[in-house]
Amino acid sequence: MRKHYGFTIVELLVVIVVIAILAALIIFSFLGIRQRADTTSMQTDLTNNSHKLRAYQAIYSSYPTALDGSNCPTAPNVDPNYCVKFSNGTTLALYSGTTTAFTLRASRTSVTNPYQITESTGAIAYVGATGPPSAAPSGIVINPDGSWQITVTTTGAPITQVFFTETVGPCTNNLTAAVASVSSGTITVTPSGSRNPSCSAYLGDVPYTLWFGNSYGTGPTATAHDYWS
């Protein structure tokens, strides 16, 4: 009578391990193919949108400086023909624009890094900058309504706050203004904080020292003057 032998436990374990390794390799390969396809899709979207932004700039002599909730230009001119659009799964991560420059950044959950395109670069992976603001505020304009226009140019992490030291006669007031993560472009902010009431009636020259800040620290200072009358 012939005996029949089955697989031993060790042999079954070896087979299971081999199958698991092969499955992991297949899944890893599939995910890599999918990520490359998603990356290509995101780069294509950014390139196509950059063409729209350049066309807008050719017409209005400025890139869009603001977008609405549908990512359509609202300033300096409203024009729904130049809305920023992305494929399903790709979202707008950041847009900033001035008369001569723009930055457009997009992200996908399946792609490790966001991708970014500017007026002078193609669509490339974006690795977030770190460190405190590298440049002082510039292009400062104080508006009649008390708001400030300030130009931001920094190679550090995006700024999140503007600090002001206001010298009103014998009084010194420390003021701040929050900013929604800006790395470049022109911002409009209104300083806020507690002012010394004993100097509220002061008339004359009011010097300011101002600087940018973010989670890494603060940057170099700039000075400006207002005249209270």
Protein backbone atom coordinates (compact mmCIF):
# COMPACT_ATOMS: atom_id res chain seq x y z
CA MET A 1 0.00 0.00 0.00
CA ARG A 2 1.46 3.36 -1.10
CA LYS A 3 1.57 6.18 1.43
CA HIS A 4 0.60 9.73 0.44
CA TYR A 5 2.35 12.66 2.08
CA GLY A 6 1.08 16.26 2.22
CA PHE A 7 3.03 19.49 2.68
CA THR A 8 4.77 20.06 5.95
CA ILE A 9 4.07 23.18 7.98
CA VAL A 10 7.50 24.55 7.08
CA GLU A 11 6.83 24.09 3.35
CA LEU A 12 3.45 25.80 3.66
CA LEU A 13 5.03 28.71 5.51
CA VAL A 14 7.67 29.07 2.79
CA VAL A 15 5.00 29.14 0.09
CA ILE A 16 2.97 31.72 2.02
CA VAL A 17 6.03 33.94 2.49
CA VAL A 18 6.91 33.73 -1.22
CA ILE A 19 3.34 34.62 -2.22
CA ALA A 20 3.33 37.55 0.23
CA ILE A 21 6.63 38.85 -1.18
CA LEU A 22 5.36 38.59 -4.76
CA ALA A 23 2.10 40.36 -3.82
CA ALA A 24 4.02 43.16 -2.11
CA LEU A 25 6.22 43.63 -5.17
CA ILE A 26 3.18 43.78 -7.45
CA ILE A 27 1.41 46.30 -5.20
CA PHE A 28 4.55 48.42 -4.87
CA SER A 29 5.03 48.41 -8.64
CA PHE A 30 1.39 49.37 -9.21
CA LEU A 31 1.58 52.23 -6.71
CA GLY A 32 4.75 53.50 -8.38
CA ILE A 33 3.07 53.47 -11.81
CA ARG A 34 0.03 55.25 -10.39
CA GLN A 35 2.14 57.90 -8.66
CA ARG A 36 4.06 58.61 -11.87
CA ALA A 37 0.79 58.93 -13.79
CA ASP A 38 -0.66 61.28 -11.16
CA THR A 39 2.54 63.33 -11.16
CA THR A 40 2.39 63.69 -14.94
CA SER A 41 -1.27 64.73 -14.72
CA MET A 42 -0.45 67.39 -12.12
CA GLN A 43 2.45 68.74 -14.18
CA THR A 44 0.23 68.92 -17.27
CA ASP A 45 -2.45 70.83 -15.34
CA LEU A 46 0.11 73.31 -14.05
CA THR A 47 1.56 73.87 -17.52
CA ASN A 48 -1.88 74.39 -19.08
CA ASN A 49 -2.86 76.83 -16.33
CA SER A 50 0.40 78.75 -16.75
CA HIS A 51 -0.56 79.36 -20.37
CA LYS A 52 -3.87 80.86 -19.18
CA LEU A 53 -2.09 83.10 -16.67
CA ARG A 54 0.33 84.34 -19.33
CA ALA A 55 -2.54 85.07 -21.69
CA TYR A 56 -4.28 87.05 -18.93
CA GLN A 57 -1.08 88.99 -18.29
CA ALA A 58 -0.75 89.80 -22.00
CA ILE A 59 -4.25 91.32 -21.99
CA TYR A 60 -4.28 93.14 -18.64
CA SER A 61 -0.53 93.86 -18.14
CA SER A 62 -0.62 91.93 -14.88
CA TYR A 63 -1.02 88.39 -13.70
CA PRO A 64 -4.14 87.82 -11.58
CA THR A 65 -3.50 89.15 -8.10
CA ALA A 66 -6.54 87.44 -6.57
CA LEU A 67 -8.71 84.41 -7.33
CA ASP A 68 -12.25 83.69 -6.17
CA GLY A 69 -13.61 80.43 -4.74
CA SER A 70 -13.78 78.95 -8.24
CA ASN A 71 -10.15 79.93 -8.89
CA CYS A 72 -11.16 82.61 -11.37
CA PRO A 73 -9.35 86.00 -11.54
CA THR A 74 -11.01 88.82 -9.60
CA ALA A 75 -8.19 91.39 -9.66
CA PRO A 76 -6.95 93.48 -11.28
CA ASN A 77 -9.71 92.47 -13.73
CA VAL A 78 -12.53 89.95 -13.40
CA ASP A 79 -12.36 87.47 -16.27
CA PRO A 80 -13.94 83.99 -16.04
CA ASN A 81 -12.18 82.93 -19.26
CA TYR A 82 -8.91 82.47 -17.38
CA CYS A 83 -9.95 80.33 -14.41
CA VAL A 84 -7.37 77.95 -12.98
CA LYS A 85 -8.64 74.38 -13.41
CA PHE A 86 -7.30 70.97 -12.37
CA SER A 87 -8.06 67.32 -13.08
CA ASN A 88 -10.03 65.28 -10.56
CA GLY A 89 -7.91 64.58 -7.51
CA THR A 90 -5.61 67.57 -7.97
CA THR A 91 -6.21 70.64 -5.82
CA LEU A 92 -4.85 74.17 -5.76
CA ALA A 93 -2.35 74.48 -2.90
CA LEU A 94 -1.20 78.06 -3.46
CA TYR A 95 -1.49 80.92 -5.89
CA SER A 96 0.12 84.34 -5.71
CA GLY A 97 0.50 86.88 -8.49
CA THR A 98 1.83 90.35 -9.17
CA THR A 99 2.16 92.45 -12.30
CA THR A 100 5.30 90.56 -13.35
CA ALA A 101 5.33 87.22 -11.52
CA PHE A 102 3.15 84.33 -10.43
CA THR A 103 3.47 81.16 -8.36
CA LEU A 104 1.02 78.30 -8.86
CA ARG A 105 1.22 75.17 -6.69
CA ALA A 106 -0.91 72.02 -6.76
CA SER A 107 -1.07 68.80 -4.75
CA ARG A 108 -2.47 65.27 -4.87
CA THR A 109 -2.81 62.83 -1.99
CA SER A 110 -1.10 60.10 -4.05
CA VAL A 111 1.98 62.22 -4.79
CA THR A 112 4.54 62.84 -2.05
CA ASN A 113 5.38 66.49 -2.79
CA PRO A 114 3.30 69.30 -4.22
CA TYR A 115 4.36 70.56 -7.66
CA GLN A 116 4.84 74.21 -8.53
CA ILE A 117 5.21 76.36 -11.63
CA THR A 118 6.15 80.04 -11.90
CA GLU A 119 6.53 82.62 -14.66
CA SER A 120 10.18 81.59 -15.04
CA THR A 121 10.24 77.86 -14.18
CA GLY A 122 8.50 74.73 -15.35
CA ALA A 123 6.40 72.39 -13.23
CA ILE A 124 8.76 70.90 -10.65
CA ALA A 125 8.44 69.25 -7.24
CA TYR A 126 8.14 71.77 -4.43
CA VAL A 127 9.97 71.19 -1.18
CA GLY A 128 8.82 73.72 1.38
CA ALA A 129 11.29 76.36 2.42
CA THR A 130 12.33 76.55 6.06
CA GLY A 131 13.81 79.16 8.32
CA PRO A 132 12.84 82.68 9.39
CA PRO A 133 12.05 85.40 6.84
CA SER A 134 15.20 86.31 4.92
CA ALA A 135 14.23 89.79 3.73
CA ALA A 136 12.84 92.95 5.31
CA PRO A 137 9.51 94.46 4.24
CA SER A 138 9.82 96.66 1.14
CA GLY A 139 7.65 98.71 -1.20
CA ILE A 140 5.81 100.12 1.83
CA VAL A 141 2.76 102.31 1.19
CA ILE A 142 0.56 103.60 4.01
CA ASN A 143 -3.00 104.12 2.78
CA PRO A 144 -5.35 106.87 4.02
CA ASP A 145 -7.59 104.24 5.67
CA GLY A 146 -4.72 103.06 7.89
CA SER A 147 -3.94 99.88 5.93
CA TRP A 148 -0.45 99.13 4.70
CA GLN A 149 0.69 97.74 1.34
CA ILE A 150 3.91 95.76 1.75
CA THR A 151 6.00 93.73 -0.69
CA VAL A 152 7.09 90.28 0.48
CA THR A 153 10.22 88.57 -0.91
CA THR A 154 11.68 85.81 1.23
CA THR A 155 13.62 82.59 0.74
CA GLY A 156 12.67 81.37 4.20
CA ALA A 157 9.39 79.73 5.13
CA PRO A 158 6.28 81.78 4.22
CA ILE A 159 5.59 84.71 6.52
CA THR A 160 2.57 84.53 8.79
CA GLN A 161 2.79 87.80 10.69
CA VAL A 162 3.92 91.41 10.37
CA PHE A 163 5.20 93.21 13.47
CA PHE A 164 5.14 96.99 13.93
CA THR A 165 6.76 99.26 16.50
CA GLU A 166 5.03 102.63 16.37
CA THR A 167 6.63 105.65 18.05
CA VAL A 168 3.96 108.25 18.84
CA GLY A 169 5.71 111.12 20.58
CA PRO A 170 6.85 109.73 23.95
CA CYS A 171 4.76 106.57 23.51
CA THR A 172 5.78 103.28 21.90
CA ASN A 173 3.08 100.94 20.64
CA ASN A 174 3.70 97.33 19.58
CA LEU A 175 1.27 96.22 16.89
CA THR A 176 0.81 93.13 14.72
CA ALA A 177 -1.05 91.93 11.66
CA ALA A 178 -1.70 88.30 10.75
CA VAL A 179 -0.94 87.07 7.22
CA ALA A 180 -2.07 83.89 5.46
CA SER A 181 1.32 82.26 4.61
CA VAL A 182 2.88 84.43 1.91
CA SER A 183 6.31 83.98 0.31
CA SER A 184 6.16 86.65 -2.37
CA GLY A 185 3.92 89.38 -3.71
CA THR A 186 2.15 92.41 -2.28
CA ILE A 187 0.01 92.15 0.83
CA THR A 188 -2.40 94.63 2.41
CA VAL A 189 -2.61 94.56 6.21
CA THR A 190 -3.92 96.78 9.00
CA PRO A 191 -1.85 96.90 12.22
CA SER A 192 -3.79 96.14 15.39
CA GLY A 193 -3.07 96.03 19.09
CA SER A 194 -3.15 98.16 22.22
CA ARG A 195 -2.14 101.80 21.82
CA ASN A 196 -1.22 104.05 24.73
CA PRO A 197 -4.25 106.36 25.16
CA SER A 198 -2.13 109.16 26.64
CA CYS A 199 -0.58 109.77 23.22
CA SER A 200 -3.69 109.32 21.10
CA ALA A 201 -3.94 113.06 20.41
CA TYR A 202 -0.38 113.29 19.11
CA LEU A 203 0.13 115.18 15.83
CA GLY A 204 3.25 115.04 13.69
CA ASP A 205 5.77 112.54 12.36
CA VAL A 206 5.29 108.92 13.48
CA PRO A 207 8.23 106.60 12.72
CA TYR A 208 7.67 102.86 12.40
CA THR A 209 9.92 99.84 12.54
CA LEU A 210 8.41 96.73 10.95
CA TRP A 211 9.48 93.16 10.23
CA PHE A 212 8.11 89.80 9.18
CA GLY A 213 7.73 86.68 11.29
CA ASN A 214 6.89 82.99 10.93
CA SER A 215 7.09 79.82 13.01
CA TYR A 216 10.90 79.78 12.66
CA GLY A 217 11.49 83.30 13.96
CA THR A 218 11.62 86.88 12.72
CA GLY A 219 13.45 88.61 9.89
CA PRO A 220 15.32 91.87 9.31
CA THR A 221 13.62 95.20 9.94
CA ALA A 222 12.59 98.11 7.77
CA THR A 223 11.53 101.65 8.67
CA ALA A 224 8.68 103.84 7.48
CA HIS A 225 7.11 107.16 8.48
CA ASP A 226 3.52 108.34 8.72
CA TYR A 227 2.34 111.84 9.54
CA TRP A 228 -0.60 112.26 11.90
CA SER A 229 -2.56 115.45 11.42
